């Protein structure tokens, strides 16, 4: 069985170059992760490489919702709403620890995007199409009930609200749990490994790729019967390596989110509201913070370090002041922020909000399969579609006898708790276990919701007095290194814990101790330690840049 220990990463990388695979996946975001899990659970021999860290692109920079696409009703994309709604429930059941039902309030005002009748009808149709279970179907609220839910909502022109269920997630952790499930099922996976060139046979059909270890510079060749390009915003770059960037192409859209402490933005109820320009924005409470987004503008800048402009911040702040006028929020109240880019399939003449989030598979003459577009919510269905194509090709060539997808009822890593109905019982048990280990019950529940059924492995790393780092943080660090291939400090603080966005104080307080611990474990030179320290400082600066006036 393969694993995801960062200490075994070099060995795993070299192993990839000595074996032949049924499928090589380029890209370690949610799409690539889903494809790896679907393929390996059908019996394929699978390898996956990611040029940065897992989920470091779009898959850690979304609005962090596994949602059913309510806004697509406005565009009459009925099939999209129905499919996303049903997939949302599957994602929840397969990983209830990392996905949480979140009641969302949709207030409607006189002259706004939605009225009482259109909201009631729209949410009813949404519930029907998405197959929403009875206890989570929409409820219409009076003006007074809406204000009780969100006392700070704009009262001028308020006509009521609609309450419906969305699903909040930690997008990076969802991706990593899927990656881990694939590795636990036998896939060989590594981060910081970049595809540089492709290998072809005499018929000019793709048979492999040359891969460079970004951290060491070592190069290997990976042989595979089929190769999938699942690199999100980089899919056209990979197509260019193959010389197959023809016809349809991507256009990128930037989304920005701002984070506030609840002492300045006291929101206990998630809200989906319209802006003066009739776009829709989310305001969502999470772990003592409130985050608000997103913007939706075309983007052609740096895809790794995405700038948040003065205009981006102003747009969201204006939207907040419009819907929550009593808050008096100013730029200095922003605690942290993030920006992400969505890879959309270009549609001439449409603005970013109008372009469909549909996904498509493109195949080059040389055999490269590219999956483009799509949404976080639909990752499992997208993966099934891609692997169905791979299976069809391999089976027809006599290169295998692979069957159909089994992921519909396949728990992701940490999701083995017996489904969502058992979640509360699971949290209670872990809360009591945490107390036995010297933690408080709330700490235990929080860790259980982060790691699910893997939480006892995290508990195994709890130590007393052997490190300067707080017990829980030290245990999380060890688990991230040994089981989630956290190679750099920024991997840990950003995508393994989310602290860089939602607990910047912890990052600031313990970054030096964490770096020292990792340097000792990995045997870094002073130069390497200085490099990773600078890299983390740069990421902190990016996350907090919106605070600078």
Protein backbone atom coordinates (compact mmCIF):
# COMPACT_ATOMS: atom_id res chain seq x y z
CA UNK A 1 0.00 0.00 0.00
CA UNK A 2 1.30 3.44 -0.93
CA UNK A 3 1.42 6.24 1.61
CA UNK A 4 1.85 9.99 1.91
CA UNK A 5 4.75 10.47 4.28
CA UNK A 6 6.88 13.46 3.39
CA UNK A 7 9.87 11.53 4.73
CA UNK A 8 9.30 8.89 2.03
CA UNK A 9 8.68 11.40 -0.73
CA UNK A 10 12.07 11.08 -2.46
CA UNK A 11 11.81 7.29 -2.47
CA UNK A 12 8.27 7.48 -3.86
CA UNK A 13 9.37 9.87 -6.58
CA UNK A 14 12.17 7.54 -7.69
CA UNK A 15 9.82 4.54 -7.59
CA UNK A 16 7.57 6.27 -10.13
CA UNK A 17 10.42 6.19 -12.61
CA UNK A 18 10.95 2.43 -12.30
CA UNK A 19 7.39 1.23 -12.88
CA UNK A 20 4.79 1.39 -15.64
CA UNK A 21 1.29 2.66 -14.95
CA UNK A 22 -2.15 2.33 -16.45
CA UNK A 23 -2.78 6.01 -15.77
CA UNK A 24 -0.63 9.05 -15.03
CA UNK A 25 -2.49 12.11 -13.72
CA UNK A 26 -0.89 15.53 -13.93
CA UNK A 27 -2.42 17.85 -11.35
CA UNK A 28 -3.08 17.43 -7.62
CA UNK A 29 -6.13 19.63 -7.16
CA UNK A 30 -9.59 18.24 -6.43
CA UNK A 31 -10.09 17.11 -10.04
CA UNK A 32 -6.84 15.15 -10.24
CA UNK A 33 -7.41 13.76 -6.75
CA UNK A 34 -10.87 12.53 -7.71
CA UNK A 35 -9.56 10.90 -10.91
CA UNK A 36 -6.81 9.12 -8.96
CA UNK A 37 -9.30 7.73 -6.45
CA UNK A 38 -11.79 6.63 -9.10
CA UNK A 39 -9.11 4.94 -11.21
CA UNK A 40 -7.26 3.15 -8.43
CA UNK A 41 -10.48 1.80 -6.92
CA UNK A 42 -11.28 0.24 -10.32
CA UNK A 43 -8.02 -1.69 -10.12
CA UNK A 44 -5.77 0.54 -12.21
CA UNK A 45 -2.14 1.18 -11.44
CA UNK A 46 -2.11 4.94 -10.90
CA UNK A 47 0.49 7.68 -10.51
CA UNK A 48 -0.20 11.36 -9.80
CA UNK A 49 2.21 14.31 -9.85
CA UNK A 50 1.58 17.89 -8.76
CA UNK A 51 4.05 20.69 -9.56
CA UNK A 52 3.23 22.64 -6.38
CA UNK A 53 1.61 21.36 -3.20
CA UNK A 54 -1.69 19.49 -3.33
CA UNK A 55 -4.67 21.85 -3.62
CA UNK A 56 -2.36 24.86 -3.91
CA UNK A 57 -4.18 26.31 -6.93
CA UNK A 58 -7.92 26.74 -7.34
CA UNK A 59 -8.71 23.91 -4.91
CA UNK A 60 -7.69 25.89 -1.82
CA UNK A 61 -8.96 29.28 -2.96
CA UNK A 62 -12.67 28.78 -3.56
CA UNK A 63 -15.62 30.11 -1.55
CA UNK A 64 -15.29 26.83 0.39
CA UNK A 65 -18.79 25.63 -0.39
CA UNK A 66 -19.91 22.30 -1.81
CA UNK A 67 -23.07 23.85 -3.17
CA UNK A 68 -25.80 22.95 -5.57
CA UNK A 69 -25.51 25.88 -7.94
CA UNK A 70 -28.56 27.93 -7.01
CA UNK A 71 -27.36 30.77 -9.21
CA UNK A 72 -27.57 28.51 -12.27
CA UNK A 73 -31.36 28.65 -12.01
CA UNK A 74 -31.12 32.27 -13.19
CA UNK A 75 -29.33 30.98 -16.31
CA UNK A 76 -31.82 28.10 -16.74
CA UNK A 77 -29.06 25.49 -16.45
CA UNK A 78 -31.50 22.94 -15.06
CA UNK A 79 -29.34 19.87 -15.66
CA UNK A 80 -26.39 21.55 -13.92
CA UNK A 81 -28.47 22.31 -10.82
CA UNK A 82 -29.89 18.79 -10.65
CA UNK A 83 -26.51 17.10 -11.01
CA UNK A 84 -24.63 19.37 -8.62
CA UNK A 85 -27.36 19.07 -5.99
CA UNK A 86 -27.20 15.30 -6.03
CA UNK A 87 -23.39 15.26 -6.05
CA UNK A 88 -23.37 17.59 -3.06
CA UNK A 89 -25.16 14.96 -0.98
CA UNK A 90 -22.70 12.26 -2.09
CA UNK A 91 -19.69 14.40 -1.17
CA UNK A 92 -21.22 14.97 2.27
CA UNK A 93 -21.93 11.31 2.97
CA UNK A 94 -18.46 10.21 1.86
CA UNK A 95 -16.71 12.77 4.06
CA UNK A 96 -19.09 14.20 6.69
CA UNK A 97 -16.19 15.38 8.83
CA UNK A 98 -14.95 17.83 6.19
CA UNK A 99 -18.31 18.99 4.81
CA UNK A 100 -20.99 20.64 6.97
CA UNK A 101 -24.62 21.56 6.20
CA UNK A 102 -24.91 25.33 6.49
CA UNK A 103 -28.28 27.06 6.51
CA UNK A 104 -28.03 29.97 4.11
CA UNK A 105 -30.24 33.06 4.33
CA UNK A 106 -31.24 34.78 1.10
CA UNK A 107 -32.73 38.16 2.07
CA UNK A 108 -34.82 39.97 -0.50
CA UNK A 109 -35.37 43.71 -0.71
CA UNK A 110 -37.60 45.94 -2.75
CA UNK A 111 -35.97 46.43 -6.15
CA UNK A 112 -33.41 43.67 -5.51
CA UNK A 113 -32.41 40.68 -7.63
CA UNK A 114 -34.94 38.42 -5.92
CA UNK A 115 -38.50 39.07 -4.77
CA UNK A 116 -40.68 37.08 -2.39
CA UNK A 117 -42.40 35.08 -5.14
CA UNK A 118 -39.28 34.45 -7.22
CA UNK A 119 -37.28 33.44 -4.12
CA UNK A 120 -39.98 31.05 -2.90
CA UNK A 121 -40.42 29.49 -6.33
CA UNK A 122 -36.69 29.42 -7.09
CA UNK A 123 -35.81 27.70 -3.82
CA UNK A 124 -38.66 25.21 -4.21
CA UNK A 125 -37.47 24.30 -7.71
CA UNK A 126 -33.91 24.13 -6.41
CA UNK A 127 -34.92 21.70 -3.65
CA UNK A 128 -36.75 19.53 -6.18
CA UNK A 129 -33.96 19.47 -8.77
CA UNK A 130 -31.21 18.91 -6.20
CA UNK A 131 -33.13 16.13 -4.45
CA UNK A 132 -32.85 17.93 -1.11
CA UNK A 133 -33.96 15.75 1.81
CA UNK A 134 -37.05 16.81 3.74
CA UNK A 135 -35.30 18.26 6.78
CA UNK A 136 -33.17 20.58 4.62
CA UNK A 137 -35.82 22.04 2.32
CA UNK A 138 -36.32 25.76 2.03
CA UNK A 139 -38.27 27.85 4.53
CA UNK A 140 -39.63 31.32 3.82
CA UNK A 141 -39.19 33.95 6.52
CA UNK A 142 -41.08 37.13 7.34
CA UNK A 143 -39.29 40.46 7.75
CA UNK A 144 -39.21 40.00 11.54
CA UNK A 145 -37.90 36.44 11.29
CA UNK A 146 -35.21 37.52 8.83
CA UNK A 147 -34.03 40.25 11.21
CA UNK A 148 -33.95 37.79 14.11
CA UNK A 149 -31.68 35.54 12.07
CA UNK A 150 -29.39 38.40 11.01
CA UNK A 151 -29.93 41.51 13.16
CA UNK A 152 -27.32 43.47 11.16
CA UNK A 153 -29.00 42.96 7.78
CA UNK A 154 -30.18 46.04 5.85
CA UNK A 155 -33.72 46.83 7.00
CA UNK A 156 -34.57 49.52 4.46
CA UNK A 157 -36.79 47.85 1.84
CA UNK A 158 -36.48 44.39 3.44
CA UNK A 159 -39.38 42.16 2.44
CA UNK A 160 -38.32 38.87 4.03
CA UNK A 161 -35.95 36.03 3.33
CA UNK A 162 -35.55 32.47 2.17
CA UNK A 163 -33.65 29.90 4.21
CA UNK A 164 -32.06 26.95 2.41
CA UNK A 165 -29.16 24.57 2.96
CA UNK A 166 -25.71 24.82 1.42
CA UNK A 167 -22.69 22.74 2.44
CA UNK A 168 -19.60 24.45 3.82
CA UNK A 169 -16.25 22.71 3.41
CA UNK A 170 -12.53 23.19 3.82
CA UNK A 171 -11.66 22.85 0.14
CA UNK A 172 -7.96 22.15 0.72
CA UNK A 173 -8.64 19.47 3.33
CA UNK A 174 -11.33 17.91 1.16
CA UNK A 175 -8.77 17.63 -1.64
CA UNK A 176 -6.13 16.16 0.64
CA UNK A 177 -8.56 13.62 2.10
CA UNK A 178 -9.38 12.45 -1.44
CA UNK A 179 -5.65 12.33 -2.27
CA UNK A 180 -5.04 10.26 0.87
CA UNK A 181 -7.89 7.89 0.01
CA UNK A 182 -6.30 7.31 -3.40
CA UNK A 183 -2.89 6.71 -1.80
CA UNK A 184 -4.40 4.35 0.78
CA UNK A 185 -5.94 2.41 -2.12
CA UNK A 186 -2.56 2.03 -3.83
CA UNK A 187 -1.97 5.10 -5.99
CA UNK A 188 1.59 6.48 -5.99
CA UNK A 189 1.39 10.22 -5.47
CA UNK A 190 3.81 13.06 -4.93
CA UNK A 191 3.77 16.83 -4.77
CA UNK A 192 6.39 19.28 -6.08
CA UNK A 193 6.88 17.17 -9.20
CA UNK A 194 6.49 18.96 -12.52
CA UNK A 195 5.74 17.45 -15.93
CA UNK A 196 8.25 19.02 -18.35
CA UNK A 197 7.95 16.95 -21.55
CA UNK A 198 5.94 14.05 -22.93
CA UNK A 199 7.21 10.77 -24.32
CA UNK A 200 5.79 9.31 -27.55
CA UNK A 201 6.05 6.01 -29.41
CA UNK A 202 6.75 5.58 -33.12
CA UNK A 203 3.07 6.21 -33.92
CA UNK A 204 3.37 9.56 -32.07
CA UNK A 205 1.07 8.32 -29.33
CA UNK A 206 1.79 9.49 -25.79
CA UNK A 207 3.41 6.81 -23.59
CA UNK A 208 4.79 8.79 -20.67
CA UNK A 209 6.20 12.03 -19.32
CA UNK A 210 9.48 13.46 -18.09
CA UNK A 211 9.03 14.70 -14.53
CA UNK A 212 11.30 17.03 -12.53
CA UNK A 213 11.44 17.05 -8.74
CA UNK A 214 11.03 20.77 -8.09
CA UNK A 215 12.78 20.49 -4.71
CA UNK A 216 15.88 18.54 -5.75
CA UNK A 217 16.10 18.98 -9.52
CA UNK A 218 16.15 15.20 -10.02
CA UNK A 219 14.48 14.01 -13.24
CA UNK A 220 12.65 10.76 -14.01
CA UNK A 221 10.53 9.36 -16.82
CA UNK A 222 7.13 7.92 -15.93
CA UNK A 223 5.65 5.41 -18.36
CA UNK A 224 1.87 5.18 -18.59
CA UNK A 225 -0.74 3.80 -21.00
CA UNK A 226 -2.93 6.90 -20.59
CA UNK A 227 -2.19 10.42 -19.36
CA UNK A 228 -4.72 12.90 -18.02
CA UNK A 229 -4.12 16.63 -17.83
CA UNK A 230 -6.05 17.82 -14.76
CA UNK A 231 -4.10 20.99 -14.03
CA UNK A 232 -6.95 23.48 -13.76
CA UNK A 233 -5.72 26.96 -14.74
CA UNK A 234 -2.62 25.36 -16.29
CA UNK A 235 -4.34 22.92 -18.67
CA UNK A 236 -3.53 25.04 -21.72
CA UNK A 237 0.15 25.16 -20.69
CA UNK A 238 0.24 21.35 -20.59
CA UNK A 239 -1.54 21.18 -23.95
CA UNK A 240 1.15 23.47 -25.37
CA UNK A 241 3.84 21.00 -24.25
CA UNK A 242 1.97 18.40 -26.31
CA UNK A 243 1.51 20.86 -29.17
CA UNK A 244 -2.25 20.32 -28.96
CA UNK A 245 -3.60 23.67 -27.80
CA UNK A 246 -6.16 24.04 -30.56
CA UNK A 247 -9.83 24.99 -30.72
CA UNK A 248 -11.40 25.62 -27.33
CA UNK A 249 -9.29 27.17 -24.59
CA UNK A 250 -9.53 28.48 -21.06
CA UNK A 251 -10.27 31.95 -19.83
CA UNK A 252 -9.51 32.70 -16.19
CA UNK A 253 -11.74 34.46 -13.68
CA UNK A 254 -10.47 35.86 -10.39
CA UNK A 255 -12.36 35.52 -7.12
CA UNK A 256 -11.37 37.41 -3.97
CA UNK A 257 -12.44 36.78 -0.36
CA UNK A 258 -11.86 38.92 2.72
CA UNK A 259 -11.74 37.62 6.32
CA UNK A 260 -12.86 39.55 9.40
CA UNK A 261 -12.89 38.72 13.08
CA UNK A 262 -16.41 38.33 14.41
CA UNK A 263 -15.75 41.09 16.90
CA UNK A 264 -16.08 43.48 13.94
CA UNK A 265 -18.38 41.38 11.74
CA UNK A 266 -20.65 39.51 14.21
CA UNK A 267 -22.35 37.07 11.85
CA UNK A 268 -23.81 33.80 13.14
CA UNK A 269 -25.92 33.01 10.08
CA UNK A 270 -24.52 32.54 6.57
CA UNK A 271 -26.01 35.01 4.08
CA UNK A 272 -26.19 34.98 0.28
CA UNK A 273 -26.98 38.50 -0.84
CA UNK A 274 -27.12 40.65 -3.92
CA UNK A 275 -24.91 43.66 -4.55
CA UNK A 276 -25.74 47.04 -6.09
CA UNK A 277 -24.64 45.69 -9.51
CA UNK A 278 -26.94 42.65 -9.10
CA UNK A 279 -24.17 40.10 -8.53
CA UNK A 280 -24.40 37.69 -5.61
CA UNK A 281 -21.97 37.50 -2.69
CA UNK A 282 -21.61 35.12 0.27
CA UNK A 283 -20.92 36.11 3.89
CA UNK A 284 -20.10 33.00 5.93
CA UNK A 285 -19.18 32.52 9.62
CA UNK A 286 -16.35 30.11 10.34
CA UNK A 287 -14.32 29.46 13.51
CA UNK A 288 -14.83 32.89 15.04
CA UNK A 289 -14.32 34.69 11.73
CA UNK A 290 -16.57 35.89 8.93
CA UNK A 291 -15.40 35.66 5.35
CA UNK A 292 -17.02 37.45 2.42
CA UNK A 293 -16.72 36.92 -1.32
CA UNK A 294 -16.44 36.60 -4.14
CA UNK A 295 -15.51 38.97 -6.93
CA UNK A 296 -15.72 37.70 -10.51
CA UNK A 297 -13.42 39.41 -13.00
CA UNK A 298 -11.35 38.21 -15.96
CA UNK A 299 -7.70 37.61 -15.04
CA UNK A 300 -4.50 37.15 -17.04
CA UNK A 301 -1.82 37.75 -14.40
CA UNK A 302 0.41 35.48 -12.30
CA UNK A 303 -1.46 32.26 -11.53
CA UNK A 304 0.56 31.34 -8.44
CA UNK A 305 0.71 34.67 -6.63
CA UNK A 306 -2.61 36.36 -7.37
CA UNK A 307 -2.77 40.04 -6.49
CA UNK A 308 -5.71 41.48 -4.61
CA UNK A 309 -6.20 44.99 -5.94
CA UNK A 310 -7.58 48.08 -4.26
CA UNK A 311 -10.61 47.69 -6.54
CA UNK A 312 -11.16 44.09 -5.39
CA UNK A 313 -11.18 45.11 -1.74
CA UNK A 314 -13.37 48.14 -2.42
CA UNK A 315 -15.93 46.03 -4.26
CA UNK A 316 -16.38 43.61 -1.36
CA UNK A 317 -16.33 46.34 1.28
CA UNK A 318 -18.97 48.27 -0.66
CA UNK A 319 -21.09 45.10 -0.87
CA UNK A 320 -20.79 44.62 2.90
CA UNK A 321 -21.75 48.22 3.61
CA UNK A 322 -24.69 47.90 1.21
CA UNK A 323 -26.19 44.82 2.91
CA UNK A 324 -24.94 45.42 6.49
CA UNK A 325 -24.94 49.24 6.74
CA UNK A 326 -24.72 49.38 10.54
CA UNK A 327 -21.30 47.69 10.66
CA UNK A 328 -19.19 50.66 9.49
CA UNK A 329 -16.51 48.24 8.31
CA UNK A 330 -13.31 49.77 6.92
CA UNK A 331 -10.24 48.38 5.19
CA UNK A 332 -8.25 48.22 8.41
CA UNK A 333 -10.76 45.67 9.74
CA UNK A 334 -9.65 43.07 7.18
CA UNK A 335 -7.69 40.36 9.01
CA UNK A 336 -6.65 38.23 6.05
CA UNK A 337 -7.69 37.47 2.51
CA UNK A 338 -7.24 35.11 -0.40
CA UNK A 339 -7.63 35.18 -4.15
CA UNK A 340 -8.19 32.29 -6.51
CA UNK A 341 -8.73 31.79 -10.20
CA UNK A 342 -11.42 29.71 -11.85
CA UNK A 343 -10.56 27.97 -15.11
CA UNK A 344 -13.56 28.61 -17.37
CA UNK A 345 -14.07 27.38 -20.90
CA UNK A 346 -14.08 30.48 -23.09
CA UNK A 347 -17.44 31.66 -24.39
CA UNK A 348 -17.28 34.67 -26.69
CA UNK A 349 -19.10 37.79 -25.54
CA UNK A 350 -19.89 36.65 -22.00
CA UNK A 351 -18.66 38.18 -18.74
CA UNK A 352 -17.24 35.92 -15.99
CA UNK A 353 -20.52 35.63 -14.08
CA UNK A 354 -22.35 34.46 -17.20
CA UNK A 355 -19.88 31.80 -18.33
CA UNK A 356 -20.97 28.29 -17.42
CA UNK A 357 -18.91 26.26 -14.95
CA UNK A 358 -19.48 23.19 -17.16
CA UNK A 359 -16.71 20.66 -17.64
CA UNK A 360 -15.48 19.10 -20.88
CA UNK A 361 -12.99 16.41 -21.90
CA UNK A 362 -10.64 17.15 -24.78
CA UNK A 363 -8.41 14.52 -26.39
CA UNK A 364 -5.39 15.36 -28.51
CA UNK A 365 -4.28 13.46 -31.60
CA UNK A 366 -1.42 12.12 -29.50
CA UNK A 367 -3.75 10.72 -26.84
CA UNK A 368 -3.51 13.36 -24.09
CA UNK A 369 -6.80 13.61 -22.20
CA UNK A 370 -7.58 17.05 -20.76
CA UNK A 371 -10.38 17.77 -18.30
CA UNK A 372 -11.31 21.46 -18.35
CA UNK A 373 -13.78 23.60 -16.41
CA UNK A 374 -16.02 22.19 -13.72
CA UNK A 375 -16.71 22.92 -10.06
CA UNK A 376 -15.55 21.66 -6.68
CA UNK A 377 -18.97 20.12 -6.02
CA UNK A 378 -18.90 18.02 -9.17
CA UNK A 379 -15.38 16.63 -8.76
CA UNK A 380 -16.46 13.01 -8.23
CA UNK A 381 -18.76 12.96 -11.25
CA UNK A 382 -16.09 14.65 -13.39
CA UNK A 383 -13.59 11.99 -12.28
CA UNK A 384 -16.03 9.20 -13.12
CA UNK A 385 -16.53 10.67 -16.59
CA UNK A 386 -12.80 10.91 -17.27
CA UNK A 387 -12.02 7.42 -15.97
CA UNK A 388 -14.91 5.97 -17.97
CA UNK A 389 -13.16 7.32 -21.06
CA UNK A 390 -9.81 5.86 -19.93
CA UNK A 391 -11.42 2.49 -19.18
CA UNK A 392 -13.12 2.42 -22.55
CA UNK A 393 -9.82 3.14 -24.33
CA UNK A 394 -7.81 0.59 -22.35
CA UNK A 395 -10.42 -2.15 -22.53
CA UNK A 396 -10.84 -1.71 -26.28
CA UNK A 397 -7.08 -2.04 -26.77
CA UNK A 398 -6.95 -5.16 -24.62
CA UNK A 399 -4.87 -3.34 -21.98
CA UNK A 400 -7.20 -4.22 -19.13
CA UNK A 401 -10.62 -5.32 -18.00
CA UNK A 402 -11.60 -2.47 -15.77
CA UNK A 403 -15.16 -1.99 -14.54
CA UNK A 404 -17.34 0.92 -13.51
CA UNK A 405 -16.89 3.53 -10.81
CA UNK A 406 -17.31 2.59 -7.14
CA UNK A 407 -16.77 6.05 -5.61
CA UNK A 408 -20.43 6.97 -5.14
CA UNK A 409 -20.44 5.14 -1.81
CA UNK A 410 -16.71 5.13 -1.08
CA UNK A 411 -15.65 7.10 2.04
CA UNK A 412 -12.71 9.43 1.55
CA UNK A 413 -9.87 9.33 4.07
CA UNK A 414 -11.26 10.23 7.48
CA UNK A 415 -14.82 9.63 6.31
CA UNK A 416 -15.18 6.12 7.70
CA UNK A 417 -17.61 6.99 10.51
CA UNK A 418 -20.76 5.35 9.16
CA UNK A 419 -22.19 8.32 7.27
CA UNK A 420 -23.51 11.73 8.28
CA UNK A 421 -26.13 10.30 10.63
CA UNK A 422 -23.35 9.01 12.90
CA UNK A 423 -21.35 12.24 12.96
CA UNK A 424 -22.69 13.68 16.22
CA UNK A 425 -22.22 10.39 18.06
CA UNK A 426 -18.66 10.21 16.67
CA UNK A 427 -17.90 13.77 17.84
CA UNK A 428 -19.19 12.98 21.34
CA UNK A 429 -16.97 9.91 21.61
CA UNK A 430 -13.89 11.80 20.42
CA UNK A 431 -14.69 14.72 22.74
CA UNK A 432 -14.57 12.35 25.72
CA UNK A 433 -11.39 10.72 24.46
CA UNK A 434 -9.78 14.16 24.17
CA UNK A 435 -10.58 14.88 27.83
CA UNK A 436 -8.94 11.58 28.80
CA UNK A 437 -5.82 12.71 26.93
CA UNK A 438 -5.66 16.02 28.76
CA UNK A 439 -7.38 18.21 26.16
CA UNK A 440 -10.77 19.85 26.54
CA UNK A 441 -13.85 18.43 24.87
CA UNK A 442 -14.16 21.29 22.36
CA UNK A 443 -10.58 20.74 21.18
CA UNK A 444 -11.40 17.08 20.61
CA UNK A 445 -14.54 17.86 18.63
CA UNK A 446 -12.69 20.40 16.50
CA UNK A 447 -9.93 17.90 15.70
CA UNK A 448 -12.53 15.22 14.93
CA UNK A 449 -14.25 17.52 12.45
CA UNK A 450 -10.91 18.25 10.81
CA UNK A 451 -9.51 14.70 10.63
CA UNK A 452 -12.58 12.48 10.94
CA UNK A 453 -11.81 8.82 11.59
CA UNK A 454 -8.07 9.61 11.35
CA UNK A 455 -8.22 11.68 14.54
CA UNK A 456 -6.92 8.86 16.74
CA UNK A 457 -3.76 8.79 14.63
CA UNK A 458 -3.39 12.51 15.34
CA UNK A 459 -3.88 11.79 19.05
CA UNK A 460 -1.02 9.26 18.85
CA UNK A 461 1.33 12.17 18.17
CA UNK A 462 0.35 14.05 21.33
CA UNK A 463 3.41 14.44 23.53
CA UNK A 464 4.21 16.23 26.78
CA UNK A 465 7.22 18.49 27.13
CA UNK A 466 9.17 17.17 24.13
CA UNK A 467 8.64 20.24 21.96
CA UNK A 468 8.24 23.97 22.42
CA UNK A 469 5.13 23.88 20.24
CA UNK A 470 1.69 23.48 21.93
CA UNK A 471 0.66 19.81 22.17
CA UNK A 472 -2.17 19.92 19.67
CA UNK A 473 -0.29 21.98 17.10
CA UNK A 474 2.74 19.67 17.42
CA UNK A 475 0.54 16.61 16.90
CA UNK A 476 -1.06 18.20 13.84
CA UNK A 477 2.38 18.99 12.45
CA UNK A 478 3.63 15.44 12.88
CA UNK A 479 0.46 14.03 11.31
CA UNK A 480 0.73 16.44 8.37
CA UNK A 481 4.34 15.41 7.73
CA UNK A 482 3.95 11.65 8.21
CA UNK A 483 0.51 11.18 6.62
CA UNK A 484 -0.26 14.20 4.40
CA UNK A 485 3.08 14.90 2.69
CA UNK A 486 3.52 18.38 4.18
CA UNK A 487 6.99 19.24 2.89
CA UNK A 488 7.19 22.95 3.68
CA UNK A 489 6.01 25.16 6.57
CA UNK A 490 3.58 26.89 4.21
CA UNK A 491 2.04 23.50 3.32
CA UNK A 492 1.24 22.98 6.99
CA UNK A 493 -0.02 26.44 7.89
CA UNK A 494 -1.99 26.94 4.69
CA UNK A 495 -3.45 23.75 3.23
CA UNK A 496 -3.18 21.26 6.15
CA UNK A 497 -4.67 23.49 8.86
CA UNK A 498 -6.09 26.63 7.19
CA UNK A 499 -4.45 28.73 9.90
CA UNK A 500 -2.93 31.13 7.39
CA UNK A 501 -6.43 32.33 6.51
CA UNK A 502 -8.47 31.76 9.65
CA UNK A 503 -5.99 31.82 12.55
CA UNK A 504 -3.17 34.14 11.54
CA UNK A 505 -2.31 34.72 15.23
CA UNK A 506 -1.27 31.06 15.60
CA UNK A 507 0.92 31.29 12.51
CA UNK A 508 2.64 34.42 13.80
CA UNK A 509 3.14 33.00 17.28
CA UNK A 510 4.50 29.57 16.34
CA UNK A 511 6.03 29.86 12.87
CA UNK A 512 9.63 29.89 14.12
CA UNK A 513 9.12 26.84 16.34
CA UNK A 514 7.37 24.92 13.55
CA UNK A 515 10.15 25.76 11.09
CA UNK A 516 12.80 24.66 13.59
CA UNK A 517 10.96 21.36 14.18
CA UNK A 518 10.69 20.69 10.45
CA UNK A 519 14.32 21.65 9.86
CA UNK A 520 15.40 19.12 12.48
CA UNK A 521 13.17 16.37 11.08
CA UNK A 522 14.13 16.90 7.43
CA UNK A 523 17.76 17.75 8.10
CA UNK A 524 17.63 21.12 6.35
CA UNK A 525 20.77 23.16 5.90
CA UNK A 526 20.79 26.75 7.19
CA UNK A 527 20.28 27.91 3.61
CA UNK A 528 17.25 25.64 3.13
CA UNK A 529 15.77 26.75 6.45
CA UNK A 530 16.23 30.39 5.51
CA UNK A 531 14.58 29.72 2.13
CA UNK A 532 11.49 28.09 3.65
CA UNK A 533 11.28 30.82 6.28
CA UNK A 534 11.29 33.50 3.59
CA UNK A 535 8.69 31.57 1.59
CA UNK A 536 6.34 31.43 4.59
CA UNK A 537 6.86 35.12 5.33
CA UNK A 538 5.92 35.91 1.74
CA UNK A 539 2.73 33.86 2.05
CA UNK A 540 1.84 35.64 5.28
CA UNK A 541 2.39 38.95 3.51
CA UNK A 542 0.10 37.84 0.65
CA UNK A 543 -2.61 36.70 3.07
CA UNK A 544 -2.51 39.93 5.06
CA UNK A 545 -1.82 42.37 2.24
CA UNK A 546 -5.40 43.60 2.31
CA UNK A 547 -4.71 45.04 5.76
CA UNK A 548 -2.03 47.38 4.44
CA UNK A 549 -3.31 50.86 3.70
